[in-house]
PDB file of N, CA and C in Angstrom:
ATOM      1  N   MET A   1     -31.885  20.392  70.911  1.00  0.00           N
ATOM      2  CA  MET A   1     -32.520  19.120  71.151  1.00  0.00           C
ATOM      3  C   MET A   1     -34.027  19.279  71.366  1.00  0.00           C
ATOM      4  N   ASP A   2     -34.412  20.301  72.094  1.00  0.00           N
ATOM      5  CA  ASP A   2     -35.840  20.518  72.319  1.00  0.00           C
ATOM      6  C   ASP A   2     -36.562  20.792  71.011  1.00  0.00           C
ATOM      7  N   SER A   3     -35.891  21.479  70.096  1.00  0.00           N
ATOM      8  CA  SER A   3     -36.543  21.771  68.814  1.00  0.00           C
ATOM      9  C   SER A   3     -36.711  20.498  67.985  1.00  0.00           C
ATOM     10  N   LEU A   4     -35.794  19.538  68.100  1.00  0.00           N
ATOM     11  CA  LEU A   4     -35.951  18.264  67.394  1.00  0.00           C
ATOM     12  C   LEU A   4     -37.188  17.531  67.885  1.00  0.00           C
ATOM     13  N   ASN A   5     -37.368  17.524  69.198  1.00  0.00           N
ATOM     14  CA  ASN A   5     -38.501  16.831  69.791  1.00  0.00           C
ATOM     15  C   ASN A   5     -39.815  17.502  69.432  1.00  0.00           C
ATOM     16  N   SER A   6     -39.856  18.813  69.531  1.00  0.00           N
ATOM     17  CA  SER A   6     -41.112  19.521  69.273  1.00  0.00           C
ATOM     18  C   SER A   6     -41.436  19.591  67.787  1.00  0.00           C
ATOM     19  N   ALA A   7     -40.432  19.633  66.924  1.00  0.00           N
ATOM     20  CA  ALA A   7     -40.682  19.735  65.487  1.00  0.00           C
ATOM     21  C   ALA A   7     -40.918  18.369  64.850  1.00  0.00           C
ATOM     22  N   ASN A   8     -40.692  17.306  65.609  1.00  0.00           N
ATOM     23  CA  ASN A   8     -40.875  15.955  65.097  1.00  0.00           C
ATOM     24  C   ASN A   8     -40.041  15.754  63.828  1.00  0.00           C
ATOM     25  N   SER A   9     -38.756  16.112  63.921  1.00  0.00           N
ATOM     26  CA  SER A   9     -37.885  16.018  62.760  1.00  0.00           C
ATOM     27  C   SER A   9     -36.547  15.423  63.175  1.00  0.00           C
ATOM     28  N   ALA A  10     -35.630  15.347  62.221  1.00  0.00           N
ATOM     29  CA  ALA A  10     -34.296  14.831  62.472  1.00  0.00           C
ATOM     30  C   ALA A  10     -33.283  15.733  61.789  1.00  0.00           C
ATOM     31  N   VAL A  11     -32.062  15.687  62.278  1.00  0.00           N
ATOM     32  CA  VAL A  11     -30.969  16.472  61.692  1.00  0.00           C
ATOM     33  C   VAL A  11     -29.920  15.488  61.199  1.00  0.00           C
ATOM     34  N   GLU A  12     -29.530  15.639  59.962  1.00  0.00           N
ATOM     35  CA  GLU A  12     -28.507  14.789  59.371  1.00  0.00           C
ATOM     36  C   GLU A  12     -27.163  15.499  59.442  1.00  0.00           C
ATOM     37  N   ILE A  13     -26.143  14.812  59.920  1.00  0.00           N
ATOM     38  CA  ILE A  13     -24.796  15.362  59.974  1.00  0.00           C
ATOM     39  C   ILE A  13     -24.005  14.691  58.854  1.00  0.00           C
ATOM     40  N   THR A  14     -23.382  15.508  58.012  1.00  0.00           N
ATOM     41  CA  THR A  14     -22.693  14.965  56.843  1.00  0.00           C
ATOM     42  C   THR A  14     -21.204  15.297  56.887  1.00  0.00           C
ATOM     43  N   ASP A  15     -20.463  14.527  56.150  1.00  0.00           N
ATOM     44  CA  ASP A  15     -19.042  14.781  55.937  1.00  0.00           C
ATOM     45  C   ASP A  15     -18.830  14.704  54.432  1.00  0.00           C
ATOM     46  N   HIS A  16     -18.595  15.849  53.817  1.00  0.00           N
ATOM     47  CA  HIS A  16     -18.445  15.945  52.357  1.00  0.00           C
ATOM     48  C   HIS A  16     -19.665  15.339  51.654  1.00  0.00           C
ATOM     49  N   ASP A  17     -20.841  15.741  52.099  1.00  0.00           N
ATOM     50  CA  ASP A  17     -22.133  15.330  51.541  1.00  0.00           C
ATOM     51  C   ASP A  17     -22.466  13.853  51.734  1.00  0.00           C
ATOM     52  N   GLU A  18     -21.748  13.167  52.593  1.00  0.00           N
ATOM     53  CA  GLU A  18     -22.068  11.783  52.943  1.00  0.00           C
ATOM     54  C   GLU A  18     -22.606  11.769  54.369  1.00  0.00           C
ATOM     55  N   PRO A  19     -23.769  11.164  54.597  1.00  0.00           N
ATOM     56  CA  PRO A  19     -24.320  11.147  55.962  1.00  0.00           C
ATOM     57  C   PRO A  19     -23.438  10.311  56.892  1.00  0.00           C
ATOM     58  N   VAL A  20     -23.149  10.852  58.062  1.00  0.00           N
ATOM     59  CA  VAL A  20     -22.351  10.133  59.053  1.00  0.00           C
ATOM     60  C   VAL A  20     -23.096   9.952  60.368  1.00  0.00           C
ATOM     61  N   ALA A  21     -24.130  10.761  60.607  1.00  0.00           N
ATOM     62  CA  ALA A  21     -24.904  10.633  61.843  1.00  0.00           C
ATOM     63  C   ALA A  21     -26.252  11.317  61.656  1.00  0.00           C
ATOM     64  N   VAL A  22     -27.194  10.926  62.491  1.00  0.00           N
ATOM     65  CA  VAL A  22     -28.525  11.531  62.486  1.00  0.00           C
ATOM     66  C   VAL A  22     -28.908  11.810  63.930  1.00  0.00           C
ATOM     67  N   LEU A  23     -29.397  13.009  64.171  1.00  0.00           N
ATOM     68  CA  LEU A  23     -29.925  13.356  65.487  1.00  0.00           C
ATOM     69  C   LEU A  23     -31.442  13.346  65.397  1.00  0.00           C
ATOM     70  N   MET A  24     -32.068  12.654  66.355  1.00  0.00           N
ATOM     71  CA  MET A  24     -33.535  12.617  66.390  1.00  0.00           C
ATOM     72  C   MET A  24     -33.984  12.464  67.831  1.00  0.00           C
ATOM     73  N   SER A  25     -35.242  12.717  68.053  1.00  0.00           N
ATOM     74  CA  SER A  25     -35.772  12.585  69.413  1.00  0.00           C
ATOM     75  C   SER A  25     -35.877  11.102  69.782  1.00  0.00           C
ATOM     76  N   TYR A  26     -35.908  10.847  71.081  1.00  0.00           N
ATOM     77  CA  TYR A  26     -36.032   9.475  71.553  1.00  0.00           C
ATOM     78  C   TYR A  26     -37.342   8.852  71.072  1.00  0.00           C
ATOM     79  N   LYS A  27     -38.395   9.643  71.050  1.00  0.00           N
ATOM     80  CA  LYS A  27     -39.702   9.163  70.604  1.00  0.00           C
ATOM     81  C   LYS A  27     -39.629   8.702  69.147  1.00  0.00           C
ATOM     82  N   ASN A  28     -38.974   9.487  68.309  1.00  0.00           N
ATOM     83  CA  ASN A  28     -38.825   9.102  66.900  1.00  0.00           C
ATOM     84  C   ASN A  28     -37.913   7.876  66.760  1.00  0.00           C
ATOM     85  N   TYR A  29     -36.883   7.803  67.604  1.00  0.00           N
ATOM     86  CA  TYR A  29     -35.982   6.649  67.584  1.00  0.00           C
ATOM     87  C   TYR A  29     -36.744   5.362  67.917  1.00  0.00           C
ATOM     88  N   VAL A  30     -37.574   5.412  68.946  1.00  0.00           N
ATOM     89  CA  VAL A  30     -38.355   4.236  69.339  1.00  0.00           C
ATOM     90  C   VAL A  30     -39.303   3.834  68.217  1.00  0.00           C
ATOM     91  N   ALA A  31     -39.962   4.799  67.608  1.00  0.00           N
ATOM     92  CA  ALA A  31     -40.879   4.498  66.509  1.00  0.00           C
ATOM     93  C   ALA A  31     -40.127   3.887  65.326  1.00  0.00           C
ATOM     94  N   LEU A  32     -38.969   4.434  65.010  1.00  0.00           N
ATOM     95  CA  LEU A  32     -38.171   3.927  63.886  1.00  0.00           C
ATOM     96  C   LEU A  32     -37.689   2.507  64.141  1.00  0.00           C
ATOM     97  N   THR A  33     -37.180   2.237  65.345  1.00  0.00           N
ATOM     98  CA  THR A  33     -36.700   0.885  65.638  1.00  0.00           C
ATOM     99  C   THR A  33     -37.849  -0.116  65.702  1.00  0.00           C
ATOM    100  N   ALA A  34     -39.015   0.317  66.149  1.00  0.00           N
ATOM    101  CA  ALA A  34     -40.179  -0.590  66.172  1.00  0.00           C
ATOM    102  C   ALA A  34     -40.570  -0.979  64.750  1.00  0.00           C
ATOM    103  N   LYS A  35     -40.577  -0.010  63.851  1.00  0.00           N
ATOM    104  CA  LYS A  35     -40.915  -0.315  62.448  1.00  0.00           C
ATOM    105  C   LYS A  35     -39.862  -1.214  61.822  1.00  0.00           C
ATOM    106  N   ALA A  36     -38.600  -0.945  62.114  1.00  0.00           N
ATOM    107  CA  ALA A  36     -37.525  -1.752  61.540  1.00  0.00           C
ATOM    108  C   ALA A  36     -37.567  -3.179  62.070  1.00  0.00           C
ATOM    109  N   SER A  37     -37.806  -3.345  63.360  1.00  0.00           N
ATOM    110  CA  SER A  37     -37.826  -4.697  63.924  1.00  0.00           C
ATOM    111  C   SER A  37     -39.050  -5.475  63.458  1.00  0.00           C
ATOM    112  N   ALA A  38     -40.140  -4.788  63.181  1.00  0.00           N
ATOM    113  CA  ALA A  38     -41.323  -5.487  62.671  1.00  0.00           C
ATOM    114  C   ALA A  38     -41.037  -6.071  61.298  1.00  0.00           C
ATOM    115  N   ASN A  39     -40.234  -5.395  60.514  1.00  0.00           N
ATOM    116  CA  ASN A  39     -39.884  -5.892  59.189  1.00  0.00           C
ATOM    117  C   ASN A  39     -38.870  -7.020  59.257  1.00  0.00           C
ATOM    118  N   LEU A  40     -38.083  -7.092  60.334  1.00  0.00           N
ATOM    119  CA  LEU A  40     -37.069  -8.124  60.470  1.00  0.00           C
ATOM    120  C   LEU A  40     -37.591  -9.381  61.142  1.00  0.00           C
ATOM    121  N   ALA A  41     -38.760  -9.295  61.760  1.00  0.00           N
ATOM    122  CA  ALA A  41     -39.302 -10.447  62.481  1.00  0.00           C
ATOM    123  C   ALA A  41     -39.545 -11.589  61.501  1.00  0.00           C
ATOM    124  N   PRO A  42     -39.040 -12.782  61.832  1.00  0.00           N
ATOM    125  CA  PRO A  42     -39.229 -13.905  60.916  1.00  0.00           C
ATOM    126  C   PRO A  42     -40.697 -14.314  60.857  1.00  0.00           C
ATOM    127  N   SER A  43     -41.145 -14.583  59.673  1.00  0.00           N
ATOM    128  CA  SER A  43     -42.516 -15.059  59.523  1.00  0.00           C
ATOM    129  C   SER A  43     -42.535 -16.557  59.801  1.00  0.00           C
ATOM    130  N   LYS A  44     -43.702 -17.070  60.045  1.00  0.00           N
ATOM    131  CA  LYS A  44     -43.820 -18.499  60.310  1.00  0.00           C
ATOM    132  C   LYS A  44     -43.409 -19.259  59.053  1.00  0.00           C
ATOM    133  N   PRO A  45     -42.595 -20.289  59.228  1.00  0.00           N
ATOM    134  CA  PRO A  45     -42.204 -21.061  58.053  1.00  0.00           C
ATOM    135  C   PRO A  45     -43.416 -21.783  57.479  1.00  0.00           C
ATOM    136  N   LYS A  46     -43.430 -21.895  56.186  1.00  0.00           N
ATOM    137  CA  LYS A  46     -44.539 -22.592  55.534  1.00  0.00           C
ATOM    138  C   LYS A  46     -44.445 -24.076  55.834  1.00  0.00           C
ATOM    139  N   LYS A  47     -45.589 -24.666  56.107  1.00  0.00           N
ATOM    140  CA  LYS A  47     -45.627 -26.093  56.379  1.00  0.00           C
ATOM    141  C   LYS A  47     -45.392 -26.846  55.074  1.00  0.00           C
ATOM    142  N   PRO A  48     -44.549 -27.863  55.123  1.00  0.00           N
ATOM    143  CA  PRO A  48     -44.308 -28.620  53.890  1.00  0.00           C
ATOM    144  C   PRO A  48     -45.549 -29.420  53.509  1.00  0.00           C
ATOM    145  N   ASN A  49     -45.737 -29.616  52.237  1.00  0.00           N
ATOM    146  CA  ASN A  49     -46.843 -30.412  51.747  1.00  0.00           C
ATOM    147  C   ASN A  49     -46.423 -31.877  51.790  1.00  0.00           C
ATOM    148  N   LEU A  50     -46.986 -32.620  52.737  1.00  0.00           N
ATOM    149  CA  LEU A  50     -46.603 -34.016  52.930  1.00  0.00           C
ATOM    150  C   LEU A  50     -47.575 -34.992  52.273  1.00  0.00           C
ATOM    151  N   LEU A  51     -48.535 -34.461  51.530  1.00  0.00           N
ATOM    152  CA  LEU A  51     -49.527 -35.312  50.885  1.00  0.00           C
ATOM    153  C   LEU A  51     -48.842 -36.303  49.944  1.00  0.00           C
ATOM    154  N   GLY A  52     -49.081 -37.562  50.159  1.00  0.00           N
ATOM    155  CA  GLY A  52     -48.502 -38.597  49.315  1.00  0.00           C
ATOM    156  C   GLY A  52     -47.094 -39.001  49.703  1.00  0.00           C
ATOM    157  N   SER A  53     -46.568 -38.491  50.805  1.00  0.00           N
ATOM    158  CA  SER A  53     -45.197 -38.808  51.179  1.00  0.00           C
ATOM    159  C   SER A  53     -45.095 -40.068  52.038  1.00  0.00           C
ATOM    160  N   ILE A  54     -46.233 -40.587  52.503  1.00  0.00           N
ATOM    161  CA  ILE A  54     -46.231 -41.792  53.332  1.00  0.00           C
ATOM    162  C   ILE A  54     -47.013 -42.887  52.625  1.00  0.00           C
ATOM    163  N   VAL A  55     -46.418 -44.053  52.576  1.00  0.00           N
ATOM    164  CA  VAL A  55     -47.085 -45.206  51.983  1.00  0.00           C
ATOM    165  C   VAL A  55     -47.203 -46.263  53.064  1.00  0.00           C
ATOM    166  N   ILE A  56     -48.409 -46.732  53.324  1.00  0.00           N
ATOM    167  CA  ILE A  56     -48.649 -47.744  54.354  1.00  0.00           C
ATOM    168  C   ILE A  56     -48.616 -49.110  53.688  1.00  0.00           C
ATOM    169  N   ASN A  57     -47.742 -49.989  54.213  1.00  0.00           N
ATOM    170  CA  ASN A  57     -47.538 -51.304  53.601  1.00  0.00           C
ATOM    171  C   ASN A  57     -48.158 -52.433  54.408  1.00  0.00           C
ATOM    172  N   SER A  58     -49.065 -52.137  55.317  1.00  0.00           N
ATOM    173  CA  SER A  58     -49.635 -53.207  56.136  1.00  0.00           C
ATOM    174  C   SER A  58     -51.151 -53.075  56.169  1.00  0.00           C
ATOM    175  N   ASP A  59     -51.779 -54.104  56.739  1.00  0.00           N
ATOM    176  CA  ASP A  59     -53.237 -54.137  56.873  1.00  0.00           C
ATOM    177  C   ASP A  59     -53.610 -53.394  58.158  1.00  0.00           C
ATOM    178  N   LEU A  60     -54.196 -52.221  58.043  1.00  0.00           N
ATOM    179  CA  LEU A  60     -54.529 -51.411  59.215  1.00  0.00           C
ATOM    180  C   LEU A  60     -55.607 -52.056  60.071  1.00  0.00           C
ATOM    181  N   GLU A  61     -56.544 -52.730  59.458  1.00  0.00           N
ATOM    182  CA  GLU A  61     -57.616 -53.375  60.221  1.00  0.00           C
ATOM    183  C   GLU A  61     -57.054 -54.479  61.110  1.00  0.00           C
ATOM    184  N   ALA A  62     -56.162 -55.288  60.570  1.00  0.00           N
ATOM    185  CA  ALA A  62     -55.567 -56.383  61.351  1.00  0.00           C
ATOM    186  C   ALA A  62     -54.693 -55.815  62.471  1.00  0.00           C
ATOM    187  N   ALA A  63     -53.933 -54.767  62.173  1.00  0.00           N
ATOM    188  CA  ALA A  63     -53.077 -54.156  63.190  1.00  0.00           C
ATOM    189  C   ALA A  63     -53.921 -53.532  64.293  1.00  0.00           C
ATOM    190  N   SER A  64     -55.035 -52.914  63.922  1.00  0.00           N
ATOM    191  CA  SER A  64     -55.917 -52.301  64.908  1.00  0.00           C
ATOM    192  C   SER A  64     -56.539 -53.364  65.806  1.00  0.00           C
ATOM    193  N   ALA A  65     -56.984 -54.472  65.233  1.00  0.00           N
ATOM    194  CA  ALA A  65     -57.576 -55.558  66.018  1.00  0.00           C
ATOM    195  C   ALA A  65     -56.540 -56.162  66.970  1.00  0.00           C
ATOM    196  N   LYS A  66     -55.312 -56.349  66.491  1.00  0.00           N
ATOM    197  CA  LYS A  66     -54.248 -56.909  67.324  1.00  0.00           C
ATOM    198  C   LYS A  66     -53.944 -55.976  68.500  1.00  0.00           C
ATOM    199  N   LEU A  67     -53.883 -54.692  68.227  1.00  0.00           N
ATOM    200  CA  LEU A  67     -53.609 -53.720  69.274  1.00  0.00           C
ATOM    201  C   LEU A  67     -54.750 -53.671  70.291  1.00  0.00           C
ATOM    202  N   ALA A  68     -55.988 -53.755  69.808  1.00  0.00           N
ATOM    203  CA  ALA A  68     -57.141 -53.747  70.718  1.00  0.00           C
ATOM    204  C   ALA A  68     -57.129 -54.977  71.617  1.00  0.00           C
ATOM    205  N   ASP A  69     -56.802 -56.146  71.049  1.00  0.00           N
ATOM    206  CA  ASP A  69     -56.721 -57.374  71.850  1.00  0.00           C
ATOM    207  C   ASP A  69     -55.623 -57.265  72.904  1.00  0.00           C
ATOM    208  N   ARG A  70     -54.481 -56.714  72.513  1.00  0.00           N
ATOM    209  CA  ARG A  70     -53.369 -56.565  73.465  1.00  0.00           C
ATOM    210  C   ARG A  70     -53.746 -55.593  74.580  1.00  0.00           C
ATOM    211  N   PHE A  71     -54.411 -54.504  74.233  1.00  0.00           N
ATOM    212  CA  PHE A  71     -54.830 -53.524  75.233  1.00  0.00           C
ATOM    213  C   PHE A  71     -55.812 -54.155  76.217  1.00  0.00           C
ATOM    214  N   LYS A  72     -56.806 -54.918  75.687  1.00  0.00           N
ATOM    215  CA  LYS A  72     -57.790 -55.584  76.552  1.00  0.00           C
ATOM    216  C   LYS A  72     -57.102 -56.584  77.480  1.00  0.00           C
ATOM    217  N   SER A  73     -56.121 -57.289  76.949  1.00  0.00           N
ATOM    218  CA  SER A  73     -55.384 -58.262  77.763  1.00  0.00           C
ATOM    219  C   SER A  73     -54.624 -57.566  78.894  1.00  0.00           C
ATOM    220  N   GLU A  74     -53.994 -56.441  78.597  1.00  0.00           N
ATOM    221  CA  GLU A  74     -53.257 -55.688  79.626  1.00  0.00           C
ATOM    222  C   GLU A  74     -54.202 -55.136  80.687  1.00  0.00           C
ATOM    223  N   VAL A  75     -55.384 -54.661  80.279  1.00  0.00           N
ATOM    224  CA  VAL A  75     -56.358 -54.149  81.230  1.00  0.00           C
ATOM    225  C   VAL A  75     -56.839 -55.276  82.137  1.00  0.00           C
ATOM    226  N   ASP A  76     -57.109 -56.445  81.531  1.00  0.00           N
ATOM    227  CA  ASP A  76     -57.541 -57.598  82.329  1.00  0.00           C
ATOM    228  C   ASP A  76     -56.456 -58.021  83.334  1.00  0.00           C
ATOM    229  N   ASP A  77     -55.199 -58.040  82.897  1.00  0.00           N
ATOM    230  CA  ASP A  77     -54.104 -58.397  83.799  1.00  0.00           C
ATOM    231  C   ASP A  77     -53.985 -57.379  84.953  1.00  0.00           C
ATOM    232  N   SER A  78     -54.148 -56.121  84.637  1.00  0.00           N
ATOM    233  CA  SER A  78     -54.081 -55.090  85.673  1.00  0.00           C
ATOM    234  C   SER A  78     -55.214 -55.244  86.669  1.00  0.00           C
ATOM    235  N   ALA A  79     -56.406 -55.584  86.179  1.00  0.00           N
ATOM    236  CA  ALA A  79     -57.564 -55.754  87.053  1.00  0.00           C
ATOM    237  C   ALA A  79     -57.373 -56.946  87.987  1.00  0.00           C
ATOM    238  N   GLU A  80     -56.751 -58.013  87.484  1.00  0.00           N
ATOM    239  CA  GLU A  80     -56.506 -59.190  88.325  1.00  0.00           C
ATOM    240  C   GLU A  80     -55.482 -58.897  89.424  1.00  0.00           C
ATOM    241  N   ASN A  81     -54.528 -58.032  89.137  1.00  0.00           N
ATOM    242  CA  ASN A  81     -53.463 -57.735  90.103  1.00  0.00           C
ATOM    243  C   ASN A  81     -53.903 -56.737  91.172  1.00  0.00           C
ATOM    244  N   LEU A  82     -55.037 -56.144  91.009  1.00  0.00           N
ATOM    245  CA  LEU A  82     -55.515 -55.175  92.017  1.00  0.00           C
ATOM    246  C   LEU A  82     -56.080 -55.840  93.194  1.00  0.00           C
TER     247      LEU A  82
END
């Protein structure tokens, strides 16, 4: 085991020329699993292209004015109740 650690190598155990186990140092194991997990980490999903997916069927200027009037009315009512 000490020679595996100092030689920075691994030993393959085979059964009829088929690998069945690998012996390696803990340091090499940590490095190997870190590399493997970095490759498995999900990448950020691509944002869908929503350009042209929304169609506005109303007059935005009129809706904005109506909302502003309603907001002013609510503020005035709140001020009177204080």
